[in-house]
Amino acid sequence: MFISNAYAQAAPAAAGGSSLMSLLPLLLMFVVLYFIMIRPQMKRQKEHKAMIDALGKGDEVVTGGGLMGRITKVGDNQIGLEVAPGVEVQCQRSAVVQVLPKGSIK
């Protein structure tokens, strides 16, 4: 009575585009993602690895936890870090974030 009948509409005409054109936005998004996020991160990792490999005795460094000190011992995976006169702590080499210029730590 008060409700009218609902009839199905005819299906719209199929798009005539190729499958390559439908994948083009996805491929474009991946290329942009690579150049904006993935490539710079790989470059930073490569620079960090080179810095870690070049660590030597007497270098002044900052760790990820914020400790500043002078390297006294260098091992395969660990370094000895003198944070104050007579106070030495052991850190992992990968914890080093930055190498400071000589004479930065008084």
PDB file of N, CA and C in Angstrom:
ATOM      1  N   MET A   1       0.790  -1.176   0.000  1.00  0.00           N
ATOM      2  CA  MET A   1       0.000   0.000   0.000  1.00  0.00           C
ATOM      3  C   MET A   1       0.854   1.271   0.000  1.00  0.00           C
ATOM      4  N   PHE A   2       1.539   1.516   1.129  1.00  0.00           N
ATOM      5  CA  PHE A   2       2.354   2.715   1.193  1.00  0.00           C
ATOM      6  C   PHE A   2       3.777   2.490   0.666  1.00  0.00           C
ATOM      7  N   ILE A   3       4.160   1.257   0.501  1.00  0.00           N
ATOM      8  CA  ILE A   3       5.513   0.936   0.047  1.00  0.00           C
ATOM      9  C   ILE A   3       5.436   0.539  -1.409  1.00  0.00           C
ATOM     10  N   SER A   4       6.253   1.218  -2.212  1.00  0.00           N
ATOM     11  CA  SER A   4       6.257   0.894  -3.639  1.00  0.00           C
ATOM     12  C   SER A   4       7.217  -0.262  -3.895  1.00  0.00           C
ATOM     13  N   ASN A   5       7.024  -0.918  -4.972  1.00  0.00           N
ATOM     14  CA  ASN A   5       7.861  -2.045  -5.350  1.00  0.00           C
ATOM     15  C   ASN A   5       9.235  -1.539  -5.816  1.00  0.00           C
ATOM     16  N   ALA A   6      10.284  -2.281  -5.473  1.00  0.00           N
ATOM     17  CA  ALA A   6      11.632  -1.942  -5.910  1.00  0.00           C
ATOM     18  C   ALA A   6      12.004  -2.883  -7.034  1.00  0.00           C
ATOM     19  N   TYR A   7      12.435  -2.307  -8.132  1.00  0.00           N
ATOM     20  CA  TYR A   7      12.822  -3.094  -9.289  1.00  0.00           C
ATOM     21  C   TYR A   7      14.328  -2.953  -9.508  1.00  0.00           C
ATOM     22  N   ALA A   8      14.970  -4.024  -9.934  1.00  0.00           N
ATOM     23  CA  ALA A   8      16.401  -3.993 -10.191  1.00  0.00           C
ATOM     24  C   ALA A   8      16.673  -3.181 -11.436  1.00  0.00           C
ATOM     25  N   GLN A   9      17.766  -2.426 -11.399  1.00  0.00           N
ATOM     26  CA  GLN A   9      18.147  -1.632 -12.561  1.00  0.00           C
ATOM     27  C   GLN A   9      19.029  -2.472 -13.464  1.00  0.00           C
ATOM     28  N   ALA A  10      19.149  -2.035 -14.662  1.00  0.00           N
ATOM     29  CA  ALA A  10      20.007  -2.719 -15.620  1.00  0.00           C
ATOM     30  C   ALA A  10      21.469  -2.491 -15.224  1.00  0.00           C
ATOM     31  N   ALA A  11      22.298  -3.499 -15.455  1.00  0.00           N
ATOM     32  CA  ALA A  11      23.712  -3.410 -15.096  1.00  0.00           C
ATOM     33  C   ALA A  11      24.394  -2.379 -15.995  1.00  0.00           C
ATOM     34  N   PRO A  12      25.313  -1.590 -15.435  1.00  0.00           N
ATOM     35  CA  PRO A  12      26.022  -0.605 -16.261  1.00  0.00           C
ATOM     36  C   PRO A  12      26.946  -1.303 -17.249  1.00  0.00           C
ATOM     37  N   ALA A  13      27.284  -0.618 -18.294  1.00  0.00           N
ATOM     38  CA  ALA A  13      28.159  -1.183 -19.318  1.00  0.00           C
ATOM     39  C   ALA A  13      29.548  -1.416 -18.722  1.00  0.00           C
ATOM     40  N   ALA A  14      30.181  -2.504 -19.108  1.00  0.00           N
ATOM     41  CA  ALA A  14      31.506  -2.852 -18.594  1.00  0.00           C
ATOM     42  C   ALA A  14      32.545  -1.862 -19.106  1.00  0.00           C
ATOM     43  N   ALA A  15      33.504  -1.546 -18.233  1.00  0.00           N
ATOM     44  CA  ALA A  15      34.571  -0.634 -18.634  1.00  0.00           C
ATOM     45  C   ALA A  15      35.473  -1.339 -19.630  1.00  0.00           C
ATOM     46  N   GLY A  16      35.879  -0.631 -20.629  1.00  0.00           N
ATOM     47  CA  GLY A  16      36.684  -1.239 -21.692  1.00  0.00           C
ATOM     48  C   GLY A  16      38.169  -1.075 -21.462  1.00  0.00           C
ATOM     49  N   GLY A  17      38.624  -0.624 -20.250  1.00  0.00           N
ATOM     50  CA  GLY A  17      40.039  -0.402 -19.981  1.00  0.00           C
ATOM     51  C   GLY A  17      40.798  -1.708 -19.836  1.00  0.00           C
ATOM     52  N   SER A  18      42.083  -1.647 -20.090  1.00  0.00           N
ATOM     53  CA  SER A  18      42.903  -2.848 -19.976  1.00  0.00           C
ATOM     54  C   SER A  18      43.290  -3.077 -18.516  1.00  0.00           C
ATOM     55  N   SER A  19      43.786  -4.250 -18.224  1.00  0.00           N
ATOM     56  CA  SER A  19      44.178  -4.572 -16.854  1.00  0.00           C
ATOM     57  C   SER A  19      45.429  -3.796 -16.437  1.00  0.00           C
ATOM     58  N   LEU A  20      46.263  -3.425 -17.397  1.00  0.00           N
ATOM     59  CA  LEU A  20      47.456  -2.634 -17.087  1.00  0.00           C
ATOM     60  C   LEU A  20      47.074  -1.251 -16.581  1.00  0.00           C
ATOM     61  N   MET A  21      46.062  -0.663 -17.148  1.00  0.00           N
ATOM     62  CA  MET A  21      45.620   0.661 -16.718  1.00  0.00           C
ATOM     63  C   MET A  21      45.004   0.602 -15.317  1.00  0.00           C
ATOM     64  N   SER A  22      44.415  -0.520 -14.966  1.00  0.00           N
ATOM     65  CA  SER A  22      43.841  -0.635 -13.627  1.00  0.00           C
ATOM     66  C   SER A  22      44.933  -0.855 -12.567  1.00  0.00           C
ATOM     67  N   LEU A  23      46.080  -1.429 -12.952  1.00  0.00           N
ATOM     68  CA  LEU A  23      47.188  -1.641 -12.030  1.00  0.00           C
ATOM     69  C   LEU A  23      48.147  -0.455 -11.969  1.00  0.00           C
ATOM     70  N   LEU A  24      48.027   0.475 -12.875  1.00  0.00           N
ATOM     71  CA  LEU A  24      48.931   1.614 -12.943  1.00  0.00           C
ATOM     72  C   LEU A  24      48.941   2.453 -11.655  1.00  0.00           C
ATOM     73  N   PRO A  25      47.809   2.790 -11.039  1.00  0.00           N
ATOM     74  CA  PRO A  25      47.872   3.548  -9.779  1.00  0.00           C
ATOM     75  C   PRO A  25      48.578   2.794  -8.650  1.00  0.00           C
ATOM     76  N   LEU A  26      48.390   1.495  -8.585  1.00  0.00           N
ATOM     77  CA  LEU A  26      49.047   0.686  -7.566  1.00  0.00           C
ATOM     78  C   LEU A  26      50.560   0.685  -7.773  1.00  0.00           C
ATOM     79  N   LEU A  27      51.002   0.519  -8.999  1.00  0.00           N
ATOM     80  CA  LEU A  27      52.424   0.540  -9.306  1.00  0.00           C
ATOM     81  C   LEU A  27      53.027   1.916  -9.027  1.00  0.00           C
ATOM     82  N   LEU A  28      52.305   2.951  -9.361  1.00  0.00           N
ATOM     83  CA  LEU A  28      52.770   4.312  -9.119  1.00  0.00           C
ATOM     84  C   LEU A  28      52.917   4.569  -7.618  1.00  0.00           C
ATOM     85  N   MET A  29      51.978   4.087  -6.810  1.00  0.00           N
ATOM     86  CA  MET A  29      52.064   4.248  -5.361  1.00  0.00           C
ATOM     87  C   MET A  29      53.277   3.512  -4.800  1.00  0.00           C
ATOM     88  N   PHE A  30      53.578   2.318  -5.321  1.00  0.00           N
ATOM     89  CA  PHE A  30      54.739   1.567  -4.851  1.00  0.00           C
ATOM     90  C   PHE A  30      56.046   2.282  -5.186  1.00  0.00           C
ATOM     91  N   VAL A  31      56.140   2.852  -6.373  1.00  0.00           N
ATOM     92  CA  VAL A  31      57.346   3.581  -6.779  1.00  0.00           C
ATOM     93  C   VAL A  31      57.548   4.802  -5.884  1.00  0.00           C
ATOM     94  N   VAL A  32      56.492   5.544  -5.611  1.00  0.00           N
ATOM     95  CA  VAL A  32      56.594   6.716  -4.744  1.00  0.00           C
ATOM     96  C   VAL A  32      56.984   6.278  -3.331  1.00  0.00           C
ATOM     97  N   LEU A  33      56.405   5.218  -2.822  1.00  0.00           N
ATOM     98  CA  LEU A  33      56.735   4.694  -1.501  1.00  0.00           C
ATOM     99  C   LEU A  33      58.205   4.299  -1.429  1.00  0.00           C
ATOM    100  N   TYR A  34      58.718   3.684  -2.469  1.00  0.00           N
ATOM    101  CA  TYR A  34      60.122   3.275  -2.495  1.00  0.00           C
ATOM    102  C   TYR A  34      61.040   4.481  -2.379  1.00  0.00           C
ATOM    103  N   PHE A  35      60.788   5.515  -3.174  1.00  0.00           N
ATOM    104  CA  PHE A  35      61.683   6.667  -3.187  1.00  0.00           C
ATOM    105  C   PHE A  35      61.513   7.575  -1.969  1.00  0.00           C
ATOM    106  N   ILE A  36      60.373   7.566  -1.333  1.00  0.00           N
ATOM    107  CA  ILE A  36      60.150   8.431  -0.178  1.00  0.00           C
ATOM    108  C   ILE A  36      60.536   7.747   1.132  1.00  0.00           C
ATOM    109  N   MET A  37      60.291   6.447   1.273  1.00  0.00           N
ATOM    110  CA  MET A  37      60.504   5.781   2.556  1.00  0.00           C
ATOM    111  C   MET A  37      61.608   4.728   2.545  1.00  0.00           C
ATOM    112  N   ILE A  38      61.588   3.812   1.627  1.00  0.00           N
ATOM    113  CA  ILE A  38      62.474   2.654   1.675  1.00  0.00           C
ATOM    114  C   ILE A  38      63.917   3.024   1.342  1.00  0.00           C
ATOM    115  N   ARG A  39      64.128   3.755   0.281  1.00  0.00           N
ATOM    116  CA  ARG A  39      65.484   4.092  -0.165  1.00  0.00           C
ATOM    117  C   ARG A  39      66.242   4.947   0.865  1.00  0.00           C
ATOM    118  N   PRO A  40      65.659   6.011   1.435  1.00  0.00           N
ATOM    119  CA  PRO A  40      66.393   6.772   2.455  1.00  0.00           C
ATOM    120  C   PRO A  40      66.713   5.954   3.702  1.00  0.00           C
ATOM    121  N   GLN A  41      65.815   5.054   4.103  1.00  0.00           N
ATOM    122  CA  GLN A  41      66.076   4.215   5.272  1.00  0.00           C
ATOM    123  C   GLN A  41      67.249   3.279   5.012  1.00  0.00           C
ATOM    124  N   MET A  42      67.336   2.703   3.827  1.00  0.00           N
ATOM    125  CA  MET A  42      68.455   1.828   3.496  1.00  0.00           C
ATOM    126  C   MET A  42      69.767   2.616   3.488  1.00  0.00           C
ATOM    127  N   LYS A  43      69.729   3.854   3.022  1.00  0.00           N
ATOM    128  CA  LYS A  43      70.920   4.695   3.004  1.00  0.00           C
ATOM    129  C   LYS A  43      71.389   4.996   4.422  1.00  0.00           C
ATOM    130  N   ARG A  44      70.455   5.307   5.345  1.00  0.00           N
ATOM    131  CA  ARG A  44      70.810   5.565   6.739  1.00  0.00           C
ATOM    132  C   ARG A  44      71.400   4.317   7.397  1.00  0.00           C
ATOM    133  N   GLN A  45      70.842   3.149   7.118  1.00  0.00           N
ATOM    134  CA  GLN A  45      71.366   1.909   7.683  1.00  0.00           C
ATOM    135  C   GLN A  45      72.789   1.649   7.207  1.00  0.00           C
ATOM    136  N   LYS A  46      73.054   1.920   5.941  1.00  0.00           N
ATOM    137  CA  LYS A  46      74.383   1.718   5.379  1.00  0.00           C
ATOM    138  C   LYS A  46      75.395   2.663   6.029  1.00  0.00           C
ATOM    139  N   GLU A  47      75.021   3.937   6.237  1.00  0.00           N
ATOM    140  CA  GLU A  47      75.904   4.900   6.884  1.00  0.00           C
ATOM    141  C   GLU A  47      76.171   4.515   8.335  1.00  0.00           C
ATOM    142  N   HIS A  48      75.137   4.039   9.053  1.00  0.00           N
ATOM    143  CA  HIS A  48      75.297   3.636  10.449  1.00  0.00           C
ATOM    144  C   HIS A  48      76.230   2.439  10.558  1.00  0.00           C
ATOM    145  N   LYS A  49      76.106   1.473   9.664  1.00  0.00           N
ATOM    146  CA  LYS A  49      76.974   0.302   9.682  1.00  0.00           C
ATOM    147  C   LYS A  49      78.419   0.700   9.430  1.00  0.00           C
ATOM    148  N   ALA A  50      78.647   1.628   8.489  1.00  0.00           N
ATOM    149  CA  ALA A  50      80.006   2.093   8.218  1.00  0.00           C
ATOM    150  C   ALA A  50      80.588   2.807   9.442  1.00  0.00           C
ATOM    151  N   MET A  51      79.766   3.599  10.139  1.00  0.00           N
ATOM    152  CA  MET A  51      80.223   4.300  11.335  1.00  0.00           C
ATOM    153  C   MET A  51      80.575   3.300  12.439  1.00  0.00           C
ATOM    154  N   ILE A  52      79.756   2.283  12.632  1.00  0.00           N
ATOM    155  CA  ILE A  52      79.995   1.268  13.664  1.00  0.00           C
ATOM    156  C   ILE A  52      81.280   0.497  13.357  1.00  0.00           C
ATOM    157  N   ASP A  53      81.504   0.173  12.096  1.00  0.00           N
ATOM    158  CA  ASP A  53      82.699  -0.575  11.725  1.00  0.00           C
ATOM    159  C   ASP A  53      83.967   0.256  11.907  1.00  0.00           C
ATOM    160  N   ALA A  54      83.860   1.585  11.825  1.00  0.00           N
ATOM    161  CA  ALA A  54      85.028   2.459  11.916  1.00  0.00           C
ATOM    162  C   ALA A  54      85.345   2.893  13.347  1.00  0.00           C
ATOM    163  N   LEU A  55      84.587   2.433  14.341  1.00  0.00           N
ATOM    164  CA  LEU A  55      84.852   2.828  15.719  1.00  0.00           C
ATOM    165  C   LEU A  55      86.224   2.338  16.166  1.00  0.00           C
ATOM    166  N   GLY A  56      86.920   3.201  16.899  1.00  0.00           N
ATOM    167  CA  GLY A  56      88.240   2.831  17.397  1.00  0.00           C
ATOM    168  C   GLY A  56      88.462   3.364  18.796  1.00  0.00           C
ATOM    169  N   LYS A  57      89.537   2.915  19.397  1.00  0.00           N
ATOM    170  CA  LYS A  57      89.882   3.325  20.751  1.00  0.00           C
ATOM    171  C   LYS A  57      90.184   4.828  20.752  1.00  0.00           C
ATOM    172  N   GLY A  58      89.615   5.532  21.729  1.00  0.00           N
ATOM    173  CA  GLY A  58      89.835   6.975  21.837  1.00  0.00           C
ATOM    174  C   GLY A  58      88.743   7.819  21.202  1.00  0.00           C
ATOM    175  N   ASP A  59      87.841   7.212  20.437  1.00  0.00           N
ATOM    176  CA  ASP A  59      86.732   7.969  19.842  1.00  0.00           C
ATOM    177  C   ASP A  59      85.743   8.385  20.925  1.00  0.00           C
ATOM    178  N   GLU A  60      85.168   9.549  20.771  1.00  0.00           N
ATOM    179  CA  GLU A  60      84.150  10.036  21.694  1.00  0.00           C
ATOM    180  C   GLU A  60      82.792   9.844  21.029  1.00  0.00           C
ATOM    181  N   VAL A  61      81.882   9.170  21.739  1.00  0.00           N
ATOM    182  CA  VAL A  61      80.618   8.757  21.133  1.00  0.00           C
ATOM    183  C   VAL A  61      79.437   9.079  22.038  1.00  0.00           C
ATOM    184  N   VAL A  62      78.249   9.028  21.443  1.00  0.00           N
ATOM    185  CA  VAL A  62      76.983   9.129  22.155  1.00  0.00           C
ATOM    186  C   VAL A  62      76.214   7.846  21.871  1.00  0.00           C
ATOM    187  N   THR A  63      75.653   7.236  22.925  1.00  0.00           N
ATOM    188  CA  THR A  63      74.877   6.011  22.746  1.00  0.00           C
ATOM    189  C   THR A  63      73.397   6.342  22.590  1.00  0.00           C
ATOM    190  N   GLY A  64      72.627   5.342  22.257  1.00  0.00           N
ATOM    191  CA  GLY A  64      71.189   5.513  22.105  1.00  0.00           C
ATOM    192  C   GLY A  64      70.498   5.898  23.393  1.00  0.00           C
ATOM    193  N   GLY A  65      71.069   5.540  24.525  1.00  0.00           N
ATOM    194  CA  GLY A  65      70.501   5.885  25.825  1.00  0.00           C
ATOM    195  C   GLY A  65      70.916   7.261  26.308  1.00  0.00           C
ATOM    196  N   GLY A  66      71.785   7.937  25.549  1.00  0.00           N
ATOM    197  CA  GLY A  66      72.193   9.281  25.911  1.00  0.00           C
ATOM    198  C   GLY A  66      73.521   9.366  26.638  1.00  0.00           C
ATOM    199  N   LEU A  67      74.201   8.239  26.840  1.00  0.00           N
ATOM    200  CA  LEU A  67      75.506   8.265  27.490  1.00  0.00           C
ATOM    201  C   LEU A  67      76.555   8.826  26.539  1.00  0.00           C
ATOM    202  N   MET A  68      77.381   9.718  27.067  1.00  0.00           N
ATOM    203  CA  MET A  68      78.493  10.252  26.289  1.00  0.00           C
ATOM    204  C   MET A  68      79.770   9.751  26.947  1.00  0.00           C
ATOM    205  N   GLY A  69      80.717   9.308  26.135  1.00  0.00           N
ATOM    206  CA  GLY A  69      81.958   8.827  26.711  1.00  0.00           C
ATOM    207  C   GLY A  69      83.009   8.571  25.660  1.00  0.00           C
ATOM    208  N   ARG A  70      84.164   8.152  26.142  1.00  0.00           N
ATOM    209  CA  ARG A  70      85.316   7.864  25.292  1.00  0.00           C
ATOM    210  C   ARG A  70      85.508   6.347  25.247  1.00  0.00           C
ATOM    211  N   ILE A  71      85.753   5.809  24.086  1.00  0.00           N
ATOM    212  CA  ILE A  71      85.937   4.369  23.921  1.00  0.00           C
ATOM    213  C   ILE A  71      87.307   3.977  24.456  1.00  0.00           C
ATOM    214  N   THR A  72      87.318   2.983  25.356  1.00  0.00           N
ATOM    215  CA  THR A  72      88.579   2.494  25.916  1.00  0.00           C
ATOM    216  C   THR A  72      88.914   1.090  25.428  1.00  0.00           C
ATOM    217  N   LYS A  73      87.910   0.296  25.136  1.00  0.00           N
ATOM    218  CA  LYS A  73      88.115  -1.070  24.642  1.00  0.00           C
ATOM    219  C   LYS A  73      87.182  -1.300  23.461  1.00  0.00           C
ATOM    220  N   VAL A  74      87.678  -2.021  22.471  1.00  0.00           N
ATOM    221  CA  VAL A  74      86.859  -2.343  21.304  1.00  0.00           C
ATOM    222  C   VAL A  74      86.872  -3.852  21.115  1.00  0.00           C
ATOM    223  N   GLY A  75      85.683  -4.444  21.122  1.00  0.00           N
ATOM    224  CA  GLY A  75      85.543  -5.883  20.877  1.00  0.00           C
ATOM    225  C   GLY A  75      84.735  -6.110  19.607  1.00  0.00           C
ATOM    226  N   ASP A  76      84.370  -7.368  19.384  1.00  0.00           N
ATOM    227  CA  ASP A  76      83.580  -7.687  18.191  1.00  0.00           C
ATOM    228  C   ASP A  76      82.189  -7.080  18.270  1.00  0.00           C
ATOM    229  N   ASN A  77      81.509  -7.283  19.403  1.00  0.00           N
ATOM    230  CA  ASN A  77      80.136  -6.800  19.554  1.00  0.00           C
ATOM    231  C   ASN A  77      79.988  -5.755  20.642  1.00  0.00           C
ATOM    232  N   GLN A  78      81.009  -5.589  21.483  1.00  0.00           N
ATOM    233  CA  GLN A  78      80.905  -4.663  22.609  1.00  0.00           C
ATOM    234  C   GLN A  78      82.062  -3.687  22.618  1.00  0.00           C
ATOM    235  N   ILE A  79      81.827  -2.557  23.292  1.00  0.00           N
ATOM    236  CA  ILE A  79      82.875  -1.565  23.498  1.00  0.00           C
ATOM    237  C   ILE A  79      82.903  -1.190  24.973  1.00  0.00           C
ATOM    238  N   GLY A  80      84.067  -0.787  25.449  1.00  0.00           N
ATOM    239  CA  GLY A  80      84.186  -0.237  26.794  1.00  0.00           C
ATOM    240  C   GLY A  80      84.111   1.273  26.671  1.00  0.00           C
ATOM    241  N   LEU A  81      83.229   1.874  27.430  1.00  0.00           N
ATOM    242  CA  LEU A  81      82.982   3.307  27.319  1.00  0.00           C
ATOM    243  C   LEU A  81      83.272   3.967  28.659  1.00  0.00           C
ATOM    244  N   GLU A  82      84.238   4.889  28.679  1.00  0.00           N
ATOM    245  CA  GLU A  82      84.568   5.615  29.898  1.00  0.00           C
ATOM    246  C   GLU A  82      83.683   6.853  29.959  1.00  0.00           C
ATOM    247  N   VAL A  83      82.726   6.860  30.897  1.00  0.00           N
ATOM    248  CA  VAL A  83      81.766   7.957  31.001  1.00  0.00           C
ATOM    249  C   VAL A  83      82.218   9.020  31.988  1.00  0.00           C
ATOM    250  N   ALA A  84      83.122   8.675  32.906  1.00  0.00           N
ATOM    251  CA  ALA A  84      83.717   9.601  33.869  1.00  0.00           C
ATOM    252  C   ALA A  84      85.088   9.037  34.210  1.00  0.00           C
ATOM    253  N   PRO A  85      85.972   9.847  34.775  1.00  0.00           N
ATOM    254  CA  PRO A  85      87.293   9.308  35.140  1.00  0.00           C
ATOM    255  C   PRO A  85      87.159   8.135  36.110  1.00  0.00           C
ATOM    256  N   GLY A  86      87.662   6.980  35.680  1.00  0.00           N
ATOM    257  CA  GLY A  86      87.605   5.783  36.511  1.00  0.00           C
ATOM    258  C   GLY A  86      86.307   5.004  36.426  1.00  0.00           C
ATOM    259  N   VAL A  87      85.326   5.465  35.627  1.00  0.00           N
ATOM    260  CA  VAL A  87      84.040   4.769  35.494  1.00  0.00           C
ATOM    261  C   VAL A  87      83.904   4.281  34.049  1.00  0.00           C
ATOM    262  N   GLU A  88      83.858   2.963  33.899  1.00  0.00           N
ATOM    263  CA  GLU A  88      83.762   2.374  32.565  1.00  0.00           C
ATOM    264  C   GLU A  88      82.543   1.466  32.496  1.00  0.00           C
ATOM    265  N   VAL A  89      81.786   1.585  31.421  1.00  0.00           N
ATOM    266  CA  VAL A  89      80.624   0.732  31.198  1.00  0.00           C
ATOM    267  C   VAL A  89      80.803  -0.018  29.884  1.00  0.00           C
ATOM    268  N   GLN A  90      80.142  -1.153  29.793  1.00  0.00           N
ATOM    269  CA  GLN A  90      80.162  -1.956  28.573  1.00  0.00           C
ATOM    270  C   GLN A  90      78.899  -1.667  27.774  1.00  0.00           C
ATOM    271  N   CYS A  91      79.042  -1.433  26.485  1.00  0.00           N
ATOM    272  CA  CYS A  91      77.902  -1.166  25.598  1.00  0.00           C
ATOM    273  C   CYS A  91      78.032  -2.022  24.351  1.00  0.00           C
ATOM    274  N   GLN A  92      76.923  -2.253  23.710  1.00  0.00           N
ATOM    275  CA  GLN A  92      76.961  -2.904  22.407  1.00  0.00           C
ATOM    276  C   GLN A  92      77.400  -1.881  21.368  1.00  0.00           C
ATOM    277  N   ARG A  93      78.103  -2.344  20.371  1.00  0.00           N
ATOM    278  CA  ARG A  93      78.555  -1.429  19.314  1.00  0.00           C
ATOM    279  C   ARG A  93      77.371  -0.790  18.598  1.00  0.00           C
ATOM    280  N   SER A  94      76.297  -1.546  18.437  1.00  0.00           N
ATOM    281  CA  SER A  94      75.136  -1.034  17.710  1.00  0.00           C
ATOM    282  C   SER A  94      74.394   0.049  18.472  1.00  0.00           C
ATOM    283  N   ALA A  95      74.698   0.213  19.777  1.00  0.00           N
ATOM    284  CA  ALA A  95      74.041   1.244  20.577  1.00  0.00           C
ATOM    285  C   ALA A  95      74.623   2.634  20.302  1.00  0.00           C
ATOM    286  N   VAL A  96      75.762   2.701  19.642  1.00  0.00           N
ATOM    287  CA  VAL A  96      76.382   3.995  19.336  1.00  0.00           C
ATOM    288  C   VAL A  96      75.568   4.677  18.242  1.00  0.00           C
ATOM    289  N   VAL A  97      75.174   5.922  18.533  1.00  0.00           N
ATOM    290  CA  VAL A  97      74.340   6.677  17.601  1.00  0.00           C
ATOM    291  C   VAL A  97      75.159   7.714  16.832  1.00  0.00           C
ATOM    292  N   GLN A  98      76.154   8.291  17.513  1.00  0.00           N
ATOM    293  CA  GLN A  98      76.894   9.388  16.905  1.00  0.00           C
ATOM    294  C   GLN A  98      78.330   9.383  17.406  1.00  0.00           C
ATOM    295  N   VAL A  99      79.252   9.710  16.520  1.00  0.00           N
ATOM    296  CA  VAL A  99      80.647   9.899  16.892  1.00  0.00           C
ATOM    297  C   VAL A  99      80.875  11.401  16.982  1.00  0.00           C
ATOM    298  N   LEU A 100      81.370  11.845  18.142  1.00  0.00           N
ATOM    299  CA  LEU A 100      81.599  13.272  18.375  1.00  0.00           C
ATOM    300  C   LEU A 100      82.999  13.671  17.921  1.00  0.00           C
ATOM    301  N   PRO A 101      83.195  14.951  17.625  1.00  0.00           N
ATOM    302  CA  PRO A 101      84.559  15.418  17.309  1.00  0.00           C
ATOM    303  C   PRO A 101      85.455  15.296  18.540  1.00  0.00           C
ATOM    304  N   LYS A 102      86.758  15.112  18.305  1.00  0.00           N
ATOM    305  CA  LYS A 102      87.706  14.984  19.409  1.00  0.00           C
ATOM    306  C   LYS A 102      87.658  16.236  20.283  1.00  0.00           C
ATOM    307  N   GLY A 103      87.711  16.033  21.600  1.00  0.00           N
ATOM    308  CA  GLY A 103      87.714  17.133  22.544  1.00  0.00           C
ATOM    309  C   GLY A 103      86.324  17.634  22.923  1.00  0.00           C
ATOM    310  N   SER A 104      85.283  16.956  22.491  1.00  0.00           N
ATOM    311  CA  SER A 104      83.914  17.379  22.844  1.00  0.00           C
ATOM    312  C   SER A 104      83.588  17.105  24.293  1.00  0.00           C
ATOM    313  N   ILE A 105      84.154  16.025  24.829  1.00  0.00           N
ATOM    314  CA  ILE A 105      83.882  15.650  26.217  1.00  0.00           C
ATOM    315  C   ILE A 105      85.026  16.166  27.074  1.00  0.00           C
ATOM    316  N   LYS A 106      84.693  16.951  28.055  1.00  0.00           N
ATOM    317  CA  LYS A 106      85.722  17.529  28.941  1.00  0.00           C
ATOM    318  C   LYS A 106      85.909  16.656  30.144  1.00  0.00           C
TER     319      LYS A 106
END
